[in-house]
Amino acid sequence: MRTLITGGAGFIGSHLCERFLAEGHEVIAVDNLITGDLANLDHLRVNPKFRFIGHDISNPLKVREKLDNVLHFASPASPVDYLEHPIPTLKVGSLGTHNTLGLAKAHGARYLLASTSEVYGDPLEHPQKESYWGNVNPVGVRGVYDEAKRFAESITMAYHRVHGVNTHIIRIFNTYGERMRLNDGRVLPNFMYQALMGESITVYGKGDQTRSFQYVSDLVEGIWRLLPTDHHDPVNLGNPAEITILEFAEEIKKLAGSKSEIVFKPLPQDDPKVRQPDIARARQLLGWEPKVGRDEGLKRTMDFFRRKLGK
């Protein structure tokens, strides 16, 4: 089997490359390195079954080798990144999805789109089921990411219905683990960096907004199980264990053994108040649910950041 993974030098993409190589696949990673890092792939580049292509998938890509699977994970994925790169974010969600669907169609390959819980916006339904259509501000600052992913889902389903491409869609809820960037801008690396460096830990709003965090290996397992199926509707992949942001800050502070002060700043525009996946579909369809508890996952991730920071 030969699998092409866009965003392959990113946090999640690099873990996918690792898993598919371990399962015996040939892997082609594609990344323009706008947020990805070749260091994430250093341990894989000695493998003769691995190849890296530096390319912006918003532009067409031709691959001579026969592809069996195309996984589209290329996109800035944190508010810091997509606020800095709003147009590339829209382009990779629209043109990039179109180009990768075209590749899958040309090769007769299975296709998997990395969508996001952000398609639910600031949800009025809790927890969020795949049937929920969301509450998104299309002209807000976060809309470039949210609407890019919503469009990506629409064109993916169109390619399935019109061209018969065997497509799959996952909606990823907050995922963390080794190889996250320290300057990622998302809540977990922010908290861990601030706690380890003895800086004030920044909580936005009152900290009563909730999130649900899953460890990266659980996400990768869900993707691996979904790809061989013939299920085409979106599937939530996330950990239903919900926690407030303030509780999460206290948890990180304790784990780091930090004396950092927790400070409060105004809530950013359109920041979701709640986020929790309903994973009944994944349980029924895939026999999947998260295996790594937050205590264990946070310890592994904290150890990774300690090594990065020399702490």
Protein backbone atom coordinates (compact mmCIF):
# COMPACT_ATOMS: atom_id res chain seq x y z
CA MET A 1 0.00 0.00 0.00
CA ARG A 2 1.18 3.53 -0.78
CA THR A 3 -0.25 6.40 1.24
CA LEU A 4 0.15 10.13 0.60
CA ILE A 5 -0.24 12.40 3.64
CA THR A 6 -0.45 16.16 3.23
CA GLY A 7 0.72 18.17 6.21
CA GLY A 8 3.04 15.24 6.84
CA ALA A 9 5.67 17.34 8.65
CA GLY A 10 3.10 18.68 11.11
CA PHE A 11 2.26 17.48 14.59
CA ILE A 12 -0.50 15.02 13.68
CA GLY A 13 0.79 14.36 10.16
CA SER A 14 4.17 13.14 11.39
CA HIS A 15 2.50 10.70 13.80
CA LEU A 16 0.40 9.40 10.89
CA CYS A 17 3.50 8.93 8.74
CA GLU A 18 5.06 6.95 11.59
CA ARG A 19 2.00 4.71 12.02
CA PHE A 20 1.52 3.96 8.33
CA LEU A 21 5.22 3.11 7.92
CA ALA A 22 4.97 0.82 10.96
CA GLU A 23 2.04 -0.93 9.27
CA GLY A 24 4.20 -1.61 6.18
CA HIS A 25 2.96 1.15 3.90
CA GLU A 26 5.08 3.25 1.61
CA VAL A 27 4.49 6.85 2.69
CA ILE A 28 4.78 10.10 0.76
CA ALA A 29 4.63 13.15 3.03
CA VAL A 30 3.74 16.47 1.42
CA ASP A 31 4.24 19.76 3.27
CA ASN A 32 5.11 23.38 2.45
CA LEU A 33 6.46 23.83 6.00
CA ILE A 34 4.38 26.94 6.71
CA THR A 35 3.72 25.45 10.14
CA GLY A 36 5.29 21.99 9.77
CA ASP A 37 8.85 21.08 10.77
CA LEU A 38 11.18 18.67 8.98
CA ALA A 39 12.63 17.74 12.38
CA ASN A 40 9.37 15.88 13.02
CA LEU A 41 10.36 13.50 10.22
CA ASP A 42 14.09 13.11 10.89
CA HIS A 43 13.66 9.64 12.39
CA LEU A 44 11.63 8.49 9.36
CA ARG A 45 13.78 9.79 6.50
CA VAL A 46 16.22 6.87 6.75
CA ASN A 47 13.35 4.49 5.92
CA PRO A 48 13.48 3.53 2.21
CA LYS A 49 9.66 3.39 2.16
CA PHE A 50 9.42 7.07 3.09
CA ARG A 51 9.62 10.08 0.78
CA PHE A 52 9.13 13.79 1.45
CA ILE A 53 7.86 16.31 -1.12
CA GLY A 54 8.13 20.01 -0.33
CA HIS A 55 4.99 21.42 -1.95
CA ASP A 56 2.04 23.71 -1.29
CA ILE A 57 -0.96 21.45 -1.94
CA SER A 58 -3.04 24.53 -2.77
CA ASN A 59 -1.28 24.08 -6.12
CA PRO A 60 -1.84 20.91 -8.18
CA LEU A 61 0.46 17.96 -7.54
CA LYS A 62 1.18 15.02 -9.85
CA VAL A 63 2.38 11.73 -8.40
CA ARG A 64 3.62 9.05 -10.78
CA GLU A 65 3.46 6.15 -8.35
CA LYS A 66 0.11 4.47 -7.79
CA LEU A 67 -1.56 5.76 -4.65
CA ASP A 68 -3.83 3.61 -2.50
CA ASN A 69 -4.72 6.26 0.11
CA VAL A 70 -4.73 10.06 0.22
CA LEU A 71 -4.98 11.72 3.65
CA HIS A 72 -5.43 15.50 3.64
CA PHE A 73 -4.07 16.98 6.89
CA ALA A 74 -2.44 20.14 5.53
CA SER A 75 -3.67 23.33 7.20
CA PRO A 76 -2.69 25.85 9.83
CA ALA A 77 -4.64 24.53 12.81
CA SER A 78 -4.23 26.93 15.72
CA PRO A 79 -5.70 30.42 16.07
CA VAL A 80 -2.20 31.96 16.12
CA ASP A 81 -1.41 30.29 12.79
CA TYR A 82 -4.62 30.91 10.90
CA LEU A 83 -4.87 34.50 12.12
CA GLU A 84 -1.35 35.04 10.75
CA HIS A 85 -2.07 33.11 7.54
CA PRO A 86 -5.78 33.61 6.83
CA ILE A 87 -5.64 33.37 3.03
CA PRO A 88 -3.36 30.28 2.91
CA THR A 89 -5.75 28.69 5.43
CA LEU A 90 -8.72 29.31 3.16
CA LYS A 91 -6.77 28.13 0.11
CA VAL A 92 -5.56 24.85 1.62
CA GLY A 93 -9.10 24.09 2.81
CA SER A 94 -10.60 24.81 -0.59
CA LEU A 95 -8.02 24.45 -3.37
CA GLY A 96 -5.96 21.98 -1.37
CA THR A 97 -8.97 19.76 -0.73
CA HIS A 98 -9.95 20.00 -4.41
CA ASN A 99 -6.43 19.01 -5.50
CA THR A 100 -6.16 16.07 -3.11
CA LEU A 101 -9.61 14.82 -4.07
CA GLY A 102 -8.49 15.01 -7.69
CA LEU A 103 -5.45 12.89 -6.82
CA ALA A 104 -7.63 10.30 -5.09
CA LYS A 105 -10.01 10.22 -8.05
CA ALA A 106 -7.19 9.84 -10.59
CA HIS A 107 -5.57 7.00 -8.64
CA GLY A 108 -8.74 5.26 -7.49
CA ALA A 109 -7.50 5.80 -3.94
CA ARG A 110 -9.32 5.98 -0.64
CA TYR A 111 -9.53 9.53 0.69
CA LEU A 112 -9.61 10.86 4.24
CA LEU A 113 -10.20 14.50 5.14
CA ALA A 114 -9.02 15.94 8.43
CA SER A 115 -11.87 18.20 9.47
CA THR A 116 -12.34 19.68 12.91
CA SER A 117 -14.68 20.22 15.81
CA GLU A 118 -14.46 23.90 14.83
CA VAL A 119 -17.15 23.21 12.20
CA TYR A 120 -19.52 23.29 15.18
CA GLY A 121 -18.39 26.85 15.98
CA ASP A 122 -19.61 28.14 19.35
CA PRO A 123 -22.09 25.27 19.70
CA LEU A 124 -25.67 25.52 20.85
CA GLU A 125 -25.79 21.72 21.20
CA HIS A 126 -23.80 19.95 23.90
CA PRO A 127 -22.18 17.49 23.56
CA GLN A 128 -21.75 17.79 19.81
CA LYS A 129 -23.09 15.03 17.55
CA GLU A 130 -22.10 14.70 13.89
CA SER A 131 -25.70 15.59 12.96
CA TYR A 132 -25.31 19.09 14.46
CA TRP A 133 -24.83 21.77 11.77
CA GLY A 134 -22.97 24.22 13.97
CA ASN A 135 -23.02 27.88 14.97
CA VAL A 136 -20.22 29.57 13.00
CA ASN A 137 -19.55 33.25 12.35
CA PRO A 138 -18.49 33.24 8.67
CA VAL A 139 -17.03 36.77 8.77
CA GLY A 140 -15.35 36.56 12.19
CA VAL A 141 -11.60 36.19 12.61
CA ARG A 142 -11.93 32.44 13.19
CA GLY A 143 -14.14 32.01 10.13
CA VAL A 144 -11.18 31.51 7.81
CA TYR A 145 -10.48 28.17 9.49
CA ASP A 146 -14.02 27.13 10.37
CA GLU A 147 -15.48 27.86 6.94
CA ALA A 148 -12.48 26.39 5.10
CA LYS A 149 -13.14 23.09 6.87
CA ARG A 150 -16.89 23.29 6.30
CA PHE A 151 -16.27 23.84 2.58
CA ALA A 152 -13.76 20.99 2.59
CA GLU A 153 -16.41 18.65 3.99
CA SER A 154 -18.91 19.78 1.33
CA ILE A 155 -16.59 19.22 -1.62
CA THR A 156 -15.46 15.89 -0.16
CA MET A 157 -19.06 14.67 -0.07
CA ALA A 158 -19.63 16.06 -3.59
CA TYR A 159 -16.70 14.02 -4.92
CA HIS A 160 -18.14 10.95 -3.25
CA ARG A 161 -21.65 11.51 -4.64
CA VAL A 162 -20.67 12.64 -8.13
CA HIS A 163 -17.44 10.75 -8.81
CA GLY A 164 -17.81 7.77 -6.46
CA VAL A 165 -14.58 8.52 -4.59
CA ASN A 166 -14.35 6.43 -1.42
CA THR A 167 -14.16 9.37 0.99
CA HIS A 168 -13.95 9.61 4.77
CA ILE A 169 -14.26 12.65 7.07
CA ILE A 170 -13.03 12.93 10.63
CA ARG A 171 -13.82 15.82 12.95
CA ILE A 172 -10.84 16.17 15.27
CA PHE A 173 -11.35 17.49 18.79
CA ASN A 174 -8.51 19.08 20.78
CA THR A 175 -5.53 16.75 20.32
CA TYR A 176 -2.16 16.96 22.06
CA GLY A 177 1.10 15.07 22.41
CA GLU A 178 4.75 15.02 21.47
CA ARG A 179 5.87 17.21 18.53
CA MET A 180 3.46 20.02 19.25
CA ARG A 181 5.19 23.36 18.73
CA LEU A 182 6.01 25.43 21.79
CA ASN A 183 4.73 28.53 19.96
CA ASP A 184 1.67 26.71 18.67
CA GLY A 185 -0.66 29.18 20.37
CA ARG A 186 -3.11 26.51 21.51
CA VAL A 187 -4.01 26.19 25.14
CA LEU A 188 -1.95 23.14 26.07
CA PRO A 189 1.49 24.24 24.76
CA ASN A 190 0.79 27.75 26.05
CA PHE A 191 0.09 26.48 29.57
CA MET A 192 2.99 24.04 29.58
CA TYR A 193 5.48 26.60 28.29
CA GLN A 194 4.35 29.24 30.78
CA ALA A 195 4.36 26.81 33.70
CA LEU A 196 7.80 25.39 32.88
CA MET A 197 9.30 28.85 32.34
CA GLY A 198 7.77 30.26 35.51
CA GLU A 199 5.73 32.80 33.56
CA SER A 200 2.16 33.82 34.36
CA ILE A 201 -0.34 31.29 33.00
CA THR A 202 -2.81 33.11 30.76
CA VAL A 203 -6.47 32.13 31.03
CA TYR A 204 -8.96 33.89 28.76
CA GLY A 205 -12.33 34.95 30.12
CA LYS A 206 -13.20 33.46 33.49
CA GLY A 207 -11.78 30.10 32.51
CA ASP A 208 -15.21 28.46 32.71
CA GLN A 209 -15.22 27.52 29.02
CA THR A 210 -14.67 23.78 28.51
CA ARG A 211 -12.54 21.62 26.26
CA SER A 212 -12.03 17.87 25.80
CA PHE A 213 -8.44 16.75 25.20
CA GLN A 214 -7.35 13.54 23.44
CA TYR A 215 -3.85 12.12 23.18
CA VAL A 216 -2.47 11.86 19.65
CA SER A 217 -2.08 8.06 19.58
CA ASP A 218 -5.82 7.67 20.22
CA LEU A 219 -6.59 9.92 17.24
CA VAL A 220 -4.20 8.00 14.99
CA GLU A 221 -5.84 4.71 15.99
CA GLY A 222 -9.28 6.08 15.09
CA ILE A 223 -8.02 7.20 11.68
CA TRP A 224 -6.42 3.81 11.05
CA ARG A 225 -9.70 2.05 11.84
CA LEU A 226 -11.88 4.37 9.75
CA LEU A 227 -9.85 4.36 6.54
CA PRO A 228 -10.66 0.75 5.42
CA THR A 229 -14.41 1.24 5.98
CA ASP A 230 -17.00 2.36 3.47
CA HIS A 231 -18.49 4.93 5.85
CA HIS A 232 -18.64 8.37 4.26
CA ASP A 233 -20.39 10.65 6.75
CA PRO A 234 -18.31 12.61 9.30
CA VAL A 235 -17.04 10.85 12.42
CA ASN A 236 -16.10 12.64 15.64
CA LEU A 237 -12.73 11.59 17.05
CA GLY A 238 -12.13 13.05 20.48
CA ASN A 239 -12.05 12.31 24.18
CA PRO A 240 -15.37 13.06 25.93
CA ALA A 241 -13.58 13.82 29.25
CA GLU A 242 -14.54 17.49 29.58
CA ILE A 243 -12.67 20.00 31.77
CA THR A 244 -12.83 23.76 32.28
CA ILE A 245 -9.87 25.80 31.11
CA LEU A 246 -9.23 27.07 34.63
CA GLU A 247 -9.17 23.51 35.98
CA PHE A 248 -6.85 22.57 33.13
CA ALA A 249 -4.48 25.43 34.00
CA GLU A 250 -4.34 24.24 37.61
CA GLU A 251 -3.69 20.68 36.40
CA ILE A 252 -0.76 21.77 34.21
CA LYS A 253 0.64 23.99 36.96
CA LYS A 254 0.61 21.10 39.43
CA LEU A 255 2.16 18.67 36.93
CA ALA A 256 4.99 21.13 36.20
CA GLY A 257 5.59 21.79 39.89
CA SER A 258 5.26 25.45 38.98
CA LYS A 259 4.68 28.51 41.14
CA SER A 260 3.33 30.48 38.18
CA GLU A 261 0.45 32.86 38.83
CA ILE A 262 -2.75 32.37 36.84
CA VAL A 263 -3.83 35.63 35.20
CA PHE A 264 -7.04 36.40 33.31
CA LYS A 265 -7.40 38.23 29.99
CA PRO A 266 -10.46 39.07 27.82
CA LEU A 267 -12.01 36.20 25.88
CA PRO A 268 -11.10 36.27 22.16
CA GLN A 269 -13.83 36.83 19.56
CA ASP A 270 -16.01 33.77 18.83
CA ASP A 271 -14.08 31.57 21.26
CA PRO A 272 -16.27 28.46 21.84
CA LYS A 273 -17.78 28.29 25.33
CA VAL A 274 -18.05 24.49 25.34
CA ARG A 275 -16.50 21.61 23.43
CA GLN A 276 -17.23 17.93 24.00
CA PRO A 277 -17.57 15.18 21.40
CA ASP A 278 -20.37 12.67 21.23
CA ILE A 279 -18.41 9.59 20.09
CA ALA A 280 -21.30 7.12 19.86
CA ARG A 281 -20.76 6.80 16.09
CA ALA A 282 -17.04 6.00 16.45
CA ARG A 283 -17.79 3.48 19.19
CA GLN A 284 -20.43 1.70 17.11
CA LEU A 285 -18.70 1.91 13.73
CA LEU A 286 -15.08 1.40 14.71
CA GLY A 287 -15.16 -0.12 18.18
CA TRP A 288 -13.02 2.90 19.07
CA GLU A 289 -12.71 5.02 22.16
CA PRO A 290 -9.77 6.83 23.76
CA LYS A 291 -7.37 4.63 25.74
CA VAL A 292 -4.82 7.14 27.07
CA GLY A 293 -6.06 9.02 30.13
CA ARG A 294 -5.31 12.71 30.54
CA ASP A 295 -2.90 12.09 33.44
CA GLU A 296 -0.72 9.76 31.37
CA GLY A 297 -0.97 11.79 28.15
CA LEU A 298 -0.08 15.07 29.88
CA LYS A 299 2.91 13.47 31.61
CA ARG A 300 4.29 12.22 28.27
CA THR A 301 3.75 15.62 26.67
CA MET A 302 5.24 17.50 29.61
CA ASP A 303 8.34 15.28 29.43
CA PHE A 304 8.65 16.15 25.73
CA PHE A 305 8.45 19.90 26.44
CA ARG A 306 10.92 19.59 29.30
CA ARG A 307 13.43 18.04 26.90
CA LYS A 308 12.79 20.77 24.32
CA LEU A 309 13.33 23.49 26.93
CA GLY A 310 16.19 21.79 28.73
CA LYS A 311 14.10 21.67 31.90
